[in-house]
Amino acid sequence: MATYPHYLERLQNATRKFWDKSALNSIGGDSFTYGQMATQIEKFHLVFEALGVKKGDKIALCARNGARWGMAYLAVNTYEAVIVPILADFTPESASFLVHHSESVILFTNEDKWKNMNLDTMKELRLAIDVDTWKPLWAIDEQTRAIYDTMDELFEEKWHDGYGPDNVVFPTDNWDNLSTINYTSGSTGDPKGVMLTYRNFSANVDYSQRNVPAGDKMVSMLPMAHMYGLVIEFIYPLCNGTAIYWLGKAPTPATLLKAFADVKPYLLITVPLVMEKIYKSKVKPTLDKPIVKVLLKIPGINNIIYKKVKDGLVAAFGGNVQEFIMGGAALNPEVEKLFKRIKFPYLVGYGMTEACPLLAYEHWTKYVPGSCGKAVDCATVRIDSEDPEHVAGEIQAKGENITIGYYKNPEASANAFTEDGFLRTGDLGIMDKDGNIFIKGRSKSMILSANGQNIYPEELEAVVNNQPYVGESVVVDRAGKIVALVYLDSDAIRRDKLDNEAVSDIPEKVRLSANRQLPGYSQIAKVETVLTPFEKTPKMSIKRFLYK
């Protein structure tokens, strides 16, 4: 048995201790205390029981982020039904298919999403509930609807003498039971529903509580149906007694900054893309001014300027952030160099759905630039290479946080593990003697040059993205030639008032400038512009398989 507490025990204790404290909040919308959250969870438990929902039955949740999303998730999770969080931006067809594939008997969703879903596809479904109001959207028969409508009466009947902190009891004898099925894509071909147990969650919540800062308030920006947001922005902080604030609608820079100023979060979970955009739009133009460049060469004065830059960045996020955790991709080296120079409290971690999600992390004061931290102590991480310090190999992991496989997909489950039970991540990396992991790229996207050199597109993209007027890029291999696809930064082009001729010169300038920084074997043969931003996954990684 594990030597650490079950995460539902931590949640139960936090709920009892912080009964009247704020727990779940939609900015500009609903707010619930720990006590109100626990009361609604109990109401759902009673109605699930009356409906004949059994432990292990599947209940899907496909809705926009918000306080009620959190409550629906926890109601299912603490009832010991299997929760199936589905990304709100999957197409209605994909979402309907995944409800069917998971054999979900109940669906929590938004009314506008429900209208576009295909009921004929969802064969096992008995009830659909509106997350925004708790009203039933559809029931398979009148009896089901009638039972659901008695939720408040069932609660009054059982708790007529009142429901208080001591009545909150969450189950903890289920370590190796299935807790969650998380689909990594909306594919209707051969969907991969990652199966995660209560042990997987408990291991990562325990690690986070011991290693990641704790605090009073948290702004959640990532999709809740994705493990990165679910565990690090919701479950682990909630087990601390933290108040979670969701942005609800897709955030604009203005609404984001207002939320940070109002909430003053202690921790920020984000993706490198967000920080790189802030650097390019706010920090770099200031540091590139001729007078500032001169002042940065003067000892003493440069420290004052760097401190001002750091204080300005921290202030933009509410002034209270102790640590900025980035994941999902590597941070641009130029941005990282400045962050390190100004002692900005950042780090880049590493994880995946199959690890629920953490695989590597390091506190910002010990974090090594270019790395993604050290392996979490609930897993053993190794590099499949004869010389893991110098020659990249596949990163593989085994531990208490690792998935038990893919739902109804034995072939994918078998292929996911080595003979000795290590998860194959599909990522390539090296590990230094101190245990810091450096990711080189995805094994699928690595390019093998004509002279046998391994070329990692991500490393080339970091150089290309640093060039003036480049917004983002994808490097591809075309018949042995390296081509960089580039989406231009229209804001910078407008700011500098470039005419059409100057814009048409950008690709070749980018190519020449990037090649001056790249070794001979990875020179870029051509730069092509694309007209729309690259399509991205929920964690803001570019879907590179779409680009050739």
Protein backbone atom coordinates (compact mmCIF):
# COMPACT_ATOMS: atom_id res chain seq x y z
CA MET A 1 0.00 0.00 0.00
CA ALA A 2 0.99 3.59 -0.56
CA THR A 3 2.69 5.47 2.26
CA TYR A 4 0.75 8.67 1.50
CA PRO A 5 -2.92 9.64 1.93
CA HIS A 6 -5.60 9.01 -0.68
CA TYR A 7 -6.45 12.29 -2.42
CA LEU A 8 -10.13 11.93 -1.50
CA GLU A 9 -9.08 11.78 2.18
CA ARG A 10 -7.22 15.07 1.66
CA LEU A 11 -10.28 16.53 -0.08
CA GLN A 12 -12.58 15.31 2.69
CA ASN A 13 -10.34 16.89 5.36
CA ALA A 14 -10.06 20.18 3.44
CA THR A 15 -13.85 20.30 2.99
CA ARG A 16 -14.44 19.81 6.73
CA LYS A 17 -11.76 22.32 7.74
CA PHE A 18 -12.67 25.08 5.24
CA TRP A 19 -16.47 24.59 5.30
CA ASP A 20 -17.34 28.30 5.02
CA LYS A 21 -14.41 29.28 2.81
CA SER A 22 -14.67 29.96 -0.94
CA ALA A 23 -13.98 26.83 -3.03
CA LEU A 24 -15.26 26.96 -6.63
CA ASN A 25 -15.80 30.24 -8.49
CA SER A 26 -16.68 31.22 -12.06
CA ILE A 27 -15.40 34.76 -12.53
CA GLY A 28 -18.50 36.90 -13.12
CA GLY A 29 -20.76 33.94 -12.30
CA ASP A 30 -21.40 31.25 -9.67
CA SER A 31 -19.42 30.98 -6.43
CA PHE A 32 -19.60 28.11 -3.93
CA THR A 33 -18.03 27.52 -0.52
CA TYR A 34 -16.56 24.14 0.45
CA GLY A 35 -19.77 23.49 2.40
CA GLN A 36 -22.04 24.32 -0.55
CA MET A 37 -19.87 22.15 -2.80
CA ALA A 38 -20.12 19.20 -0.38
CA THR A 39 -23.90 19.63 -0.04
CA GLN A 40 -24.43 19.53 -3.82
CA ILE A 41 -22.10 16.51 -4.11
CA GLU A 42 -24.23 14.68 -1.52
CA LYS A 43 -27.42 15.56 -3.42
CA PHE A 44 -25.97 14.02 -6.57
CA HIS A 45 -24.87 10.91 -4.65
CA LEU A 46 -28.45 10.38 -3.44
CA VAL A 47 -29.99 10.89 -6.87
CA PHE A 48 -27.37 8.62 -8.56
CA GLU A 49 -28.26 5.94 -6.02
CA ALA A 50 -32.01 6.39 -6.62
CA LEU A 51 -31.41 6.12 -10.37
CA GLY A 52 -29.60 2.81 -9.87
CA VAL A 53 -26.17 4.11 -10.94
CA LYS A 54 -23.58 1.61 -9.71
CA LYS A 55 -19.93 2.03 -8.75
CA GLY A 56 -17.91 1.67 -11.95
CA ASP A 57 -20.72 2.94 -14.22
CA LYS A 58 -19.49 5.67 -16.58
CA ILE A 59 -20.67 9.29 -16.41
CA ALA A 60 -19.46 11.78 -19.05
CA LEU A 61 -18.78 15.49 -18.55
CA CYS A 62 -18.49 17.61 -21.69
CA ALA A 63 -18.89 21.27 -20.78
CA ARG A 64 -17.12 24.60 -20.53
CA ASN A 65 -14.85 25.24 -17.55
CA GLY A 66 -16.49 26.68 -14.46
CA ALA A 67 -17.44 26.18 -10.82
CA ARG A 68 -20.25 23.76 -11.68
CA TRP A 69 -17.93 21.73 -13.92
CA GLY A 70 -15.79 21.19 -10.83
CA MET A 71 -18.78 20.19 -8.74
CA ALA A 72 -20.10 17.72 -11.34
CA TYR A 73 -16.64 16.14 -11.64
CA LEU A 74 -16.29 15.67 -7.89
CA ALA A 75 -19.86 14.38 -7.47
CA VAL A 76 -19.15 11.53 -9.89
CA ASN A 77 -15.61 10.93 -8.67
CA THR A 78 -16.54 10.67 -4.98
CA TYR A 79 -19.54 8.43 -5.80
CA GLU A 80 -17.03 5.98 -7.38
CA ALA A 81 -18.67 6.06 -10.77
CA VAL A 82 -16.04 6.48 -13.51
CA ILE A 83 -15.86 10.10 -14.69
CA VAL A 84 -15.25 10.67 -18.42
CA PRO A 85 -14.18 14.32 -18.94
CA ILE A 86 -14.49 15.23 -22.64
CA LEU A 87 -12.94 18.41 -24.04
CA ALA A 88 -15.59 21.07 -24.61
CA ASP A 89 -14.09 22.02 -27.98
CA PHE A 90 -14.36 18.54 -29.50
CA THR A 91 -16.94 18.56 -32.31
CA PRO A 92 -20.49 17.46 -31.36
CA GLU A 93 -19.94 14.30 -33.45
CA SER A 94 -16.72 13.44 -31.60
CA ALA A 95 -18.23 14.18 -28.19
CA SER A 96 -21.31 12.02 -28.95
CA PHE A 97 -19.07 9.21 -30.16
CA LEU A 98 -16.92 9.31 -27.00
CA VAL A 99 -20.01 9.27 -24.75
CA HIS A 100 -20.99 6.11 -26.66
CA HIS A 101 -17.48 4.56 -26.68
CA SER A 102 -17.16 5.05 -22.91
CA GLU A 103 -20.64 3.52 -22.35
CA SER A 104 -21.67 6.54 -20.29
CA VAL A 105 -25.13 6.33 -18.71
CA ILE A 106 -25.34 10.02 -17.71
CA LEU A 107 -23.96 13.12 -19.44
CA PHE A 108 -23.31 16.52 -17.87
CA THR A 109 -23.09 19.18 -20.61
CA ASN A 110 -24.12 22.73 -21.64
CA GLU A 111 -27.55 23.21 -23.22
CA ASP A 112 -26.13 24.68 -26.44
CA LYS A 113 -23.76 21.71 -26.80
CA TRP A 114 -26.55 19.21 -26.14
CA LYS A 115 -28.63 20.62 -29.03
CA ASN A 116 -25.90 19.63 -31.52
CA MET A 117 -25.12 16.18 -30.13
CA ASN A 118 -26.40 13.00 -31.74
CA LEU A 119 -28.68 11.11 -29.37
CA ASP A 120 -28.86 8.10 -31.72
CA THR A 121 -25.10 7.59 -31.30
CA MET A 122 -25.21 7.51 -27.48
CA LYS A 123 -26.71 4.05 -27.00
CA GLU A 124 -26.25 3.64 -23.22
CA LEU A 125 -27.32 7.16 -22.23
CA ARG A 126 -30.24 7.47 -19.79
CA LEU A 127 -30.01 11.10 -18.68
CA ALA A 128 -28.47 14.41 -19.79
CA ILE A 129 -28.00 17.22 -17.22
CA ASP A 130 -27.37 20.92 -17.86
CA VAL A 131 -24.19 21.85 -15.98
CA ASP A 132 -25.23 25.51 -15.82
CA THR A 133 -28.57 24.94 -14.01
CA TRP A 134 -28.60 21.23 -12.92
CA LYS A 135 -31.88 20.89 -14.87
CA PRO A 136 -32.43 17.71 -16.90
CA LEU A 137 -31.97 18.27 -20.66
CA TRP A 138 -33.28 14.84 -21.60
CA ALA A 139 -34.26 11.58 -19.92
CA ILE A 140 -34.80 8.15 -21.44
CA ASP A 141 -38.25 7.90 -19.80
CA GLU A 142 -40.61 9.72 -17.45
CA GLN A 143 -39.56 7.62 -14.44
CA THR A 144 -35.89 8.63 -14.81
CA ARG A 145 -36.84 12.31 -15.07
CA ALA A 146 -39.22 12.00 -12.09
CA ILE A 147 -36.50 10.41 -9.91
CA TYR A 148 -33.96 13.09 -10.91
CA ASP A 149 -36.49 15.81 -10.05
CA THR A 150 -36.71 14.49 -6.45
CA MET A 151 -33.03 15.36 -5.74
CA ASP A 152 -33.83 18.01 -3.10
CA GLU A 153 -36.52 15.85 -1.44
CA LEU A 154 -34.12 12.90 -1.18
CA PHE A 155 -31.61 15.18 0.52
CA GLU A 156 -34.18 16.63 2.96
CA GLU A 157 -35.41 13.13 3.81
CA LYS A 158 -31.93 11.85 4.68
CA TRP A 159 -30.51 15.01 6.29
CA HIS A 160 -33.60 16.58 7.92
CA ASP A 161 -31.46 17.36 10.99
CA GLY A 162 -28.89 19.20 8.85
CA TYR A 163 -25.78 18.37 6.85
CA GLY A 164 -22.47 19.59 8.24
CA PRO A 165 -18.69 19.13 8.04
CA ASP A 166 -18.67 15.86 10.03
CA ASN A 167 -21.13 14.28 7.58
CA VAL A 168 -18.65 14.53 4.69
CA VAL A 169 -17.14 11.09 4.13
CA PHE A 170 -15.43 10.25 0.84
CA PRO A 171 -14.42 6.65 -0.05
CA THR A 172 -10.71 5.71 0.16
CA ASP A 173 -10.67 1.89 -0.13
CA ASN A 174 -10.50 2.04 -3.92
CA TRP A 175 -6.82 2.72 -4.71
CA ASP A 176 -6.64 0.51 -7.79
CA ASN A 177 -10.18 1.07 -9.05
CA LEU A 178 -10.74 2.99 -12.26
CA SER A 179 -11.39 6.67 -11.47
CA THR A 180 -11.24 8.45 -14.81
CA ILE A 181 -11.18 7.75 -18.55
CA ASN A 182 -9.53 10.65 -20.38
CA TYR A 183 -9.62 10.69 -24.18
CA THR A 184 -6.49 12.22 -25.68
CA SER A 185 -8.20 13.13 -28.97
CA GLY A 186 -11.62 13.38 -30.52
CA SER A 187 -10.77 10.73 -33.10
CA THR A 188 -13.68 8.45 -33.95
CA GLY A 189 -11.35 5.90 -35.53
CA ASP A 190 -9.47 4.18 -32.74
CA PRO A 191 -9.93 6.44 -29.72
CA LYS A 192 -7.44 6.27 -26.89
CA GLY A 193 -9.23 6.63 -23.57
CA VAL A 194 -6.48 6.72 -20.95
CA MET A 195 -7.57 4.73 -17.86
CA LEU A 196 -6.44 6.34 -14.60
CA THR A 197 -6.95 4.93 -11.10
CA TYR A 198 -7.47 6.62 -7.74
CA ARG A 199 -3.86 5.62 -6.97
CA ASN A 200 -2.60 7.49 -10.05
CA PHE A 201 -4.29 10.69 -8.86
CA SER A 202 -3.27 10.21 -5.22
CA ALA A 203 0.43 9.81 -6.20
CA ASN A 204 0.49 13.07 -8.14
CA VAL A 205 -1.57 15.03 -5.60
CA ASP A 206 0.81 13.84 -2.87
CA TYR A 207 3.88 14.81 -4.93
CA SER A 208 2.37 18.24 -5.72
CA GLN A 209 1.48 18.91 -2.09
CA ARG A 210 5.05 18.19 -1.03
CA ASN A 211 6.83 20.03 -3.86
CA VAL A 212 4.65 22.70 -5.48
CA PRO A 213 3.87 25.92 -3.55
CA ALA A 214 0.53 26.14 -1.74
CA GLY A 215 -1.61 29.24 -1.46
CA ASP A 216 -5.01 30.81 -1.04
CA LYS A 217 -6.29 31.51 -4.57
CA MET A 218 -5.78 30.05 -8.02
CA VAL A 219 -6.84 31.22 -11.50
CA SER A 220 -7.54 28.28 -13.79
CA MET A 221 -6.94 28.88 -17.51
CA LEU A 222 -6.35 25.41 -18.95
CA PRO A 223 -9.06 23.01 -20.18
CA MET A 224 -10.39 21.04 -17.20
CA ALA A 225 -10.93 17.95 -19.36
CA HIS A 226 -7.15 17.81 -19.83
CA MET A 227 -5.02 16.22 -17.08
CA TYR A 228 -2.59 19.15 -16.80
CA GLY A 229 -5.36 21.58 -15.86
CA LEU A 230 -7.47 19.01 -13.99
CA VAL A 231 -4.82 17.88 -11.51
CA ILE A 232 -2.57 20.94 -11.13
CA GLU A 233 -5.16 23.74 -11.36
CA PHE A 234 -8.06 21.97 -9.64
CA ILE A 235 -7.64 18.75 -7.63
CA TYR A 236 -4.27 19.34 -5.91
CA PRO A 237 -5.01 22.98 -4.89
CA LEU A 238 -8.56 22.10 -3.78
CA CYS A 239 -7.09 19.46 -1.44
CA ASN A 240 -5.13 22.35 0.15
CA GLY A 241 -8.20 24.49 0.83
CA THR A 242 -7.42 26.80 -2.10
CA ALA A 243 -10.19 28.80 -3.82
CA ILE A 244 -10.27 28.09 -7.57
CA TYR A 245 -11.37 30.81 -10.00
CA TRP A 246 -12.30 29.87 -13.57
CA LEU A 247 -12.28 32.34 -16.43
CA GLY A 248 -15.28 30.65 -18.06
CA LYS A 249 -15.28 32.19 -21.53
CA ALA A 250 -12.24 32.08 -23.82
CA PRO A 251 -9.95 34.68 -22.24
CA THR A 252 -8.89 37.87 -23.99
CA PRO A 253 -5.67 39.55 -22.76
CA ALA A 254 -7.83 42.24 -21.07
CA THR A 255 -10.06 39.76 -19.16
CA LEU A 256 -7.00 37.73 -18.18
CA LEU A 257 -5.16 40.72 -16.72
CA LYS A 258 -8.29 41.84 -14.86
CA ALA A 259 -8.73 38.33 -13.40
CA PHE A 260 -5.10 38.26 -12.21
CA ALA A 261 -5.44 41.73 -10.67
CA ASP A 262 -8.68 40.79 -8.87
CA VAL A 263 -7.77 37.28 -7.69
CA LYS A 264 -3.99 37.69 -7.12
CA PRO A 265 -3.19 33.97 -7.61
CA TYR A 266 -0.23 32.35 -5.80
CA LEU A 267 0.66 30.06 -8.71
CA LEU A 268 0.30 30.26 -12.48
CA ILE A 269 0.01 27.17 -14.67
CA THR A 270 0.48 28.02 -18.31
CA VAL A 271 2.09 27.01 -21.59
CA PRO A 272 5.31 28.49 -23.03
CA LEU A 273 3.38 30.06 -25.92
CA VAL A 274 1.62 32.50 -23.54
CA MET A 275 4.87 33.62 -21.89
CA GLU A 276 6.66 33.90 -25.24
CA LYS A 277 3.91 36.16 -26.59
CA ILE A 278 4.16 38.41 -23.52
CA TYR A 279 7.95 38.54 -23.93
CA LYS A 280 7.70 39.42 -27.65
CA SER A 281 4.97 42.04 -27.29
CA LYS A 282 5.89 43.70 -23.96
CA VAL A 283 9.46 42.94 -22.88
CA LYS A 284 11.59 42.61 -26.04
CA PRO A 285 10.55 45.97 -27.63
CA THR A 286 11.65 47.76 -24.42
CA LEU A 287 14.99 45.93 -24.13
CA ASP A 288 15.71 46.51 -27.84
CA LYS A 289 15.56 50.32 -27.52
CA PRO A 290 19.04 51.78 -28.28
CA ILE A 291 19.27 53.68 -24.97
CA VAL A 292 18.24 50.60 -22.97
CA LYS A 293 20.84 48.47 -24.81
CA VAL A 294 23.53 50.94 -23.74
CA LEU A 295 22.33 51.03 -20.11
CA LEU A 296 22.27 47.22 -19.94
CA LYS A 297 26.04 47.22 -20.49
CA ILE A 298 26.63 49.28 -17.32
CA PRO A 299 27.11 47.13 -14.18
CA GLY A 300 24.66 48.07 -11.43
CA ILE A 301 22.33 49.97 -13.77
CA ASN A 302 21.60 46.75 -15.67
CA ASN A 303 20.45 45.06 -12.45
CA ILE A 304 18.02 47.90 -11.78
CA ILE A 305 16.55 47.53 -15.30
CA TYR A 306 16.28 43.74 -15.01
CA LYS A 307 14.57 44.05 -11.61
CA LYS A 308 12.08 46.50 -13.11
CA VAL A 309 11.34 44.03 -15.95
CA LYS A 310 10.82 41.18 -13.46
CA ASP A 311 8.63 43.26 -11.12
CA GLY A 312 6.54 44.39 -14.11
CA LEU A 313 5.97 40.80 -15.25
CA VAL A 314 5.02 39.59 -11.77
CA ALA A 315 2.72 42.60 -11.28
CA ALA A 316 0.91 41.84 -14.56
CA PHE A 317 -0.16 38.51 -13.04
CA GLY A 318 -1.51 40.05 -9.84
CA GLY A 319 1.78 40.51 -7.96
CA ASN A 320 1.41 37.42 -5.78
CA VAL A 321 2.63 34.56 -8.01
CA GLN A 322 5.33 32.50 -6.28
CA GLU A 323 5.98 30.24 -9.26
CA PHE A 324 5.15 30.08 -12.97
CA ILE A 325 4.90 26.46 -14.12
CA MET A 326 5.01 25.88 -17.87
CA GLY A 327 4.36 22.61 -19.66
CA GLY A 328 3.28 21.19 -22.99
CA ALA A 329 6.34 22.35 -24.98
CA ALA A 330 9.86 23.71 -24.58
CA LEU A 331 10.40 27.38 -23.74
CA ASN A 332 12.18 29.46 -26.38
CA PRO A 333 15.90 29.69 -25.37
CA GLU A 334 16.03 33.49 -25.87
CA VAL A 335 13.05 33.98 -23.54
CA GLU A 336 14.53 31.48 -21.07
CA LYS A 337 17.86 33.30 -21.02
CA LEU A 338 16.17 36.56 -20.03
CA PHE A 339 13.94 34.87 -17.42
CA LYS A 340 17.01 33.33 -15.79
CA ARG A 341 18.89 36.65 -15.93
CA ILE A 342 16.08 38.56 -14.17
CA LYS A 343 15.53 35.71 -11.61
CA PHE A 344 11.94 35.24 -12.82
CA PRO A 345 10.33 32.40 -10.76
CA TYR A 346 9.61 30.07 -13.67
CA LEU A 347 10.19 26.44 -14.57
CA VAL A 348 9.25 24.08 -17.38
CA GLY A 349 7.82 20.72 -16.29
CA TYR A 350 7.01 17.59 -18.23
CA GLY A 351 4.05 15.27 -18.25
CA MET A 352 1.42 13.47 -20.25
CA THR A 353 -2.13 12.22 -19.77
CA GLU A 354 -0.81 8.68 -19.24
CA ALA A 355 1.17 9.90 -16.19
CA CYS A 356 -1.84 11.72 -14.66
CA PRO A 357 0.03 14.03 -15.73
CA LEU A 358 3.37 14.68 -13.96
CA LEU A 359 6.64 13.05 -15.01
CA ALA A 360 9.17 15.78 -14.20
CA TYR A 361 9.32 19.00 -12.18
CA GLU A 362 11.86 21.05 -10.23
CA HIS A 363 11.32 24.06 -7.93
CA TRP A 364 12.25 27.24 -9.80
CA THR A 365 15.22 28.00 -7.52
CA LYS A 366 16.91 24.72 -8.58
CA TYR A 367 15.54 24.48 -12.11
CA VAL A 368 18.19 24.06 -14.88
CA PRO A 369 17.42 26.09 -18.05
CA GLY A 370 16.64 23.98 -21.11
CA SER A 371 15.53 21.04 -18.97
CA CYS A 372 12.06 20.00 -17.84
CA GLY A 373 13.16 19.30 -14.27
CA LYS A 374 13.85 15.99 -12.55
CA ALA A 375 11.66 12.88 -12.45
CA VAL A 376 8.84 13.01 -9.89
CA ASP A 377 9.52 10.66 -6.96
CA CYS A 378 6.37 8.60 -7.55
CA ALA A 379 7.84 7.34 -10.84
CA THR A 380 11.09 5.90 -12.17
CA VAL A 381 12.10 7.62 -15.41
CA ARG A 382 14.79 6.25 -17.71
CA ILE A 383 16.26 7.05 -21.13
CA ASP A 384 16.36 4.09 -23.53
CA SER A 385 19.88 4.79 -24.79
CA GLU A 386 23.36 3.26 -24.38
CA ASP A 387 24.64 6.70 -23.37
CA PRO A 388 21.65 8.55 -21.84
CA GLU A 389 23.75 11.60 -20.91
CA HIS A 390 24.82 12.28 -24.49
CA VAL A 391 22.72 10.24 -26.94
CA ALA A 392 18.97 10.83 -27.01
CA GLY A 393 16.70 7.87 -26.46
CA GLU A 394 13.03 7.36 -25.72
CA ILE A 395 11.92 8.60 -22.30
CA GLN A 396 10.22 5.73 -20.45
CA ALA A 397 8.46 5.72 -17.07
CA LYS A 398 7.07 3.34 -14.47
CA GLY A 399 5.37 4.21 -11.18
CA GLU A 400 2.29 4.77 -9.08
CA ASN A 401 1.06 7.61 -11.30
CA ILE A 402 1.18 5.66 -14.60
CA THR A 403 -1.96 4.58 -16.49
CA ILE A 404 -3.17 0.99 -16.47
CA GLY A 405 -3.85 1.20 -20.24
CA TYR A 406 -6.40 2.35 -22.80
CA TYR A 407 -10.13 1.70 -22.48
CA LYS A 408 -11.39 -1.06 -24.79
CA ASN A 409 -8.15 -0.86 -26.78
CA PRO A 410 -5.94 -3.86 -25.83
CA GLU A 411 -3.65 -3.39 -28.83
CA ALA A 412 -2.79 0.23 -27.92
CA SER A 413 -2.40 -0.83 -24.27
CA ALA A 414 0.05 -3.60 -25.19
CA ASN A 415 2.07 -1.30 -27.47
CA ALA A 416 2.30 1.41 -24.80
CA PHE A 417 4.58 -0.58 -22.48
CA THR A 418 7.99 -2.23 -22.68
CA GLU A 419 8.43 -5.89 -21.71
CA ASP A 420 9.51 -4.82 -18.20
CA GLY A 421 6.45 -2.59 -17.74
CA PHE A 422 7.77 0.90 -18.55
CA LEU A 423 5.46 3.33 -20.36
CA ARG A 424 6.79 4.39 -23.76
CA THR A 425 6.30 8.16 -23.89
CA GLY A 426 7.24 8.60 -27.55
CA ASP A 427 9.44 11.53 -26.49
CA LEU A 428 13.20 11.58 -27.02
CA GLY A 429 15.54 13.02 -24.45
CA ILE A 430 18.78 12.87 -22.49
CA MET A 431 19.35 12.97 -18.72
CA ASP A 432 22.37 14.61 -17.07
CA LYS A 433 24.24 13.12 -14.12
CA ASP A 434 22.07 15.10 -11.68
CA GLY A 435 18.86 13.63 -13.12
CA ASN A 436 17.72 16.70 -15.09
CA ILE A 437 15.77 15.63 -18.18
CA PHE A 438 16.24 17.45 -21.49
CA ILE A 439 13.62 16.72 -24.14
CA LYS A 440 14.88 16.68 -27.72
CA GLY A 441 11.54 16.13 -29.45
CA ARG A 442 8.94 13.55 -30.41
CA SER A 443 10.33 10.33 -31.86
CA LYS A 444 7.72 10.63 -34.65
CA SER A 445 8.87 14.10 -35.70
CA MET A 446 12.65 13.53 -35.61
CA ILE A 447 14.32 14.01 -39.01
CA LEU A 448 17.25 11.80 -40.01
CA SER A 449 19.59 13.76 -42.30
CA ALA A 450 21.33 12.24 -45.35
CA ASN A 451 24.59 11.93 -43.37
CA GLY A 452 22.87 10.18 -40.44
CA GLN A 453 22.49 13.16 -38.09
CA ASN A 454 19.40 13.34 -35.85
CA ILE A 455 17.63 16.66 -36.41
CA TYR A 456 15.00 17.72 -33.87
CA PRO A 457 12.50 20.14 -35.49
CA GLU A 458 11.73 21.73 -32.10
CA GLU A 459 15.35 22.98 -31.81
CA LEU A 460 15.21 24.58 -35.26
CA GLU A 461 11.81 26.12 -34.55
CA ALA A 462 13.20 27.80 -31.42
CA VAL A 463 15.78 29.59 -33.64
CA VAL A 464 13.24 30.48 -36.35
CA ASN A 465 10.74 31.81 -33.77
CA ASN A 466 13.36 34.26 -32.50
CA GLN A 467 13.59 36.00 -35.88
CA PRO A 468 11.82 39.35 -36.34
CA TYR A 469 8.19 39.13 -37.49
CA VAL A 470 7.86 35.37 -36.89
CA GLY A 471 4.80 34.44 -34.81
CA GLU A 472 5.24 30.65 -34.83
CA SER A 473 6.73 27.96 -37.03
CA VAL A 474 6.78 24.27 -37.93
CA VAL A 475 9.85 22.62 -39.47
CA VAL A 476 9.21 19.73 -41.88
CA ASP A 477 11.27 17.38 -44.03
CA ARG A 478 10.50 17.46 -47.75
CA ALA A 479 12.42 14.87 -49.73
CA GLY A 480 15.54 15.39 -47.63
CA LYS A 481 15.25 19.20 -47.62
CA ILE A 482 14.39 21.09 -44.43
CA VAL A 483 11.52 23.54 -44.90
CA ALA A 484 10.27 25.98 -42.25
CA LEU A 485 6.57 26.88 -42.39
CA VAL A 486 6.09 30.26 -40.74
CA TYR A 487 3.04 32.19 -39.54
CA LEU A 488 3.98 35.88 -39.45
CA ASP A 489 3.40 38.22 -36.49
CA SER A 490 0.88 40.67 -38.01
CA ASP A 491 0.93 42.93 -34.91
CA ALA A 492 4.68 43.49 -35.26
CA ILE A 493 4.35 44.08 -39.03
CA ARG A 494 1.64 46.70 -38.41
CA ARG A 495 3.62 48.30 -35.56
CA ASP A 496 6.69 48.75 -37.79
CA LYS A 497 4.53 49.85 -40.79
CA LEU A 498 6.13 47.39 -43.24
CA ASP A 499 5.02 47.70 -46.87
CA ASN A 500 4.16 44.69 -49.09
CA GLU A 501 7.68 44.44 -50.51
CA ALA A 502 9.25 44.38 -47.04
CA VAL A 503 6.80 41.68 -45.95
CA SER A 504 7.62 39.54 -49.01
CA ASP A 505 11.34 39.77 -48.10
CA ILE A 506 10.77 38.34 -44.58
CA PRO A 507 10.94 34.58 -45.43
CA GLU A 508 14.39 34.79 -47.05
CA LYS A 509 15.72 37.05 -44.28
CA VAL A 510 14.45 34.56 -41.70
CA ARG A 511 16.15 31.69 -43.54
CA LEU A 512 19.53 33.44 -43.82
CA SER A 513 19.49 34.68 -40.24
CA ALA A 514 18.41 31.31 -38.79
CA ASN A 515 21.01 29.38 -40.81
CA ARG A 516 23.79 31.54 -39.36
CA GLN A 517 22.90 30.02 -35.97
CA LEU A 518 22.36 26.43 -37.12
CA PRO A 519 24.93 23.67 -37.75
CA GLY A 520 25.68 22.69 -41.35
CA TYR A 521 23.67 19.46 -41.25
CA SER A 522 20.42 21.21 -40.21
CA GLN A 523 20.39 24.19 -42.58
CA ILE A 524 16.96 25.38 -43.72
CA ALA A 525 16.48 25.12 -47.49
CA LYS A 526 13.31 27.20 -47.70
CA VAL A 527 10.96 29.31 -45.57
CA GLU A 528 7.28 29.35 -46.57
CA THR A 529 4.59 31.51 -44.98
CA VAL A 530 1.20 30.12 -43.99
CA LEU A 531 -1.89 32.34 -43.87
CA THR A 532 -3.55 31.09 -40.69
CA PRO A 533 -2.17 30.18 -37.23
CA PHE A 534 -1.17 26.53 -36.82
CA GLU A 535 -3.82 24.23 -35.38
CA LYS A 536 -3.13 23.36 -31.75
CA THR A 537 -3.98 20.74 -29.16
CA PRO A 538 -5.79 21.79 -25.94
CA LYS A 539 -2.42 22.24 -24.24
CA MET A 540 -1.37 24.59 -27.07
CA SER A 541 1.15 22.29 -28.76
CA ILE A 542 1.06 22.58 -32.55
CA LYS A 543 -0.57 19.58 -34.27
CA ARG A 544 2.51 18.98 -36.41
CA PHE A 545 1.10 15.84 -38.03
CA LEU A 546 -1.19 18.14 -40.06
CA TYR A 547 1.76 19.85 -41.77
CA LYS A 548 3.95 18.45 -44.51
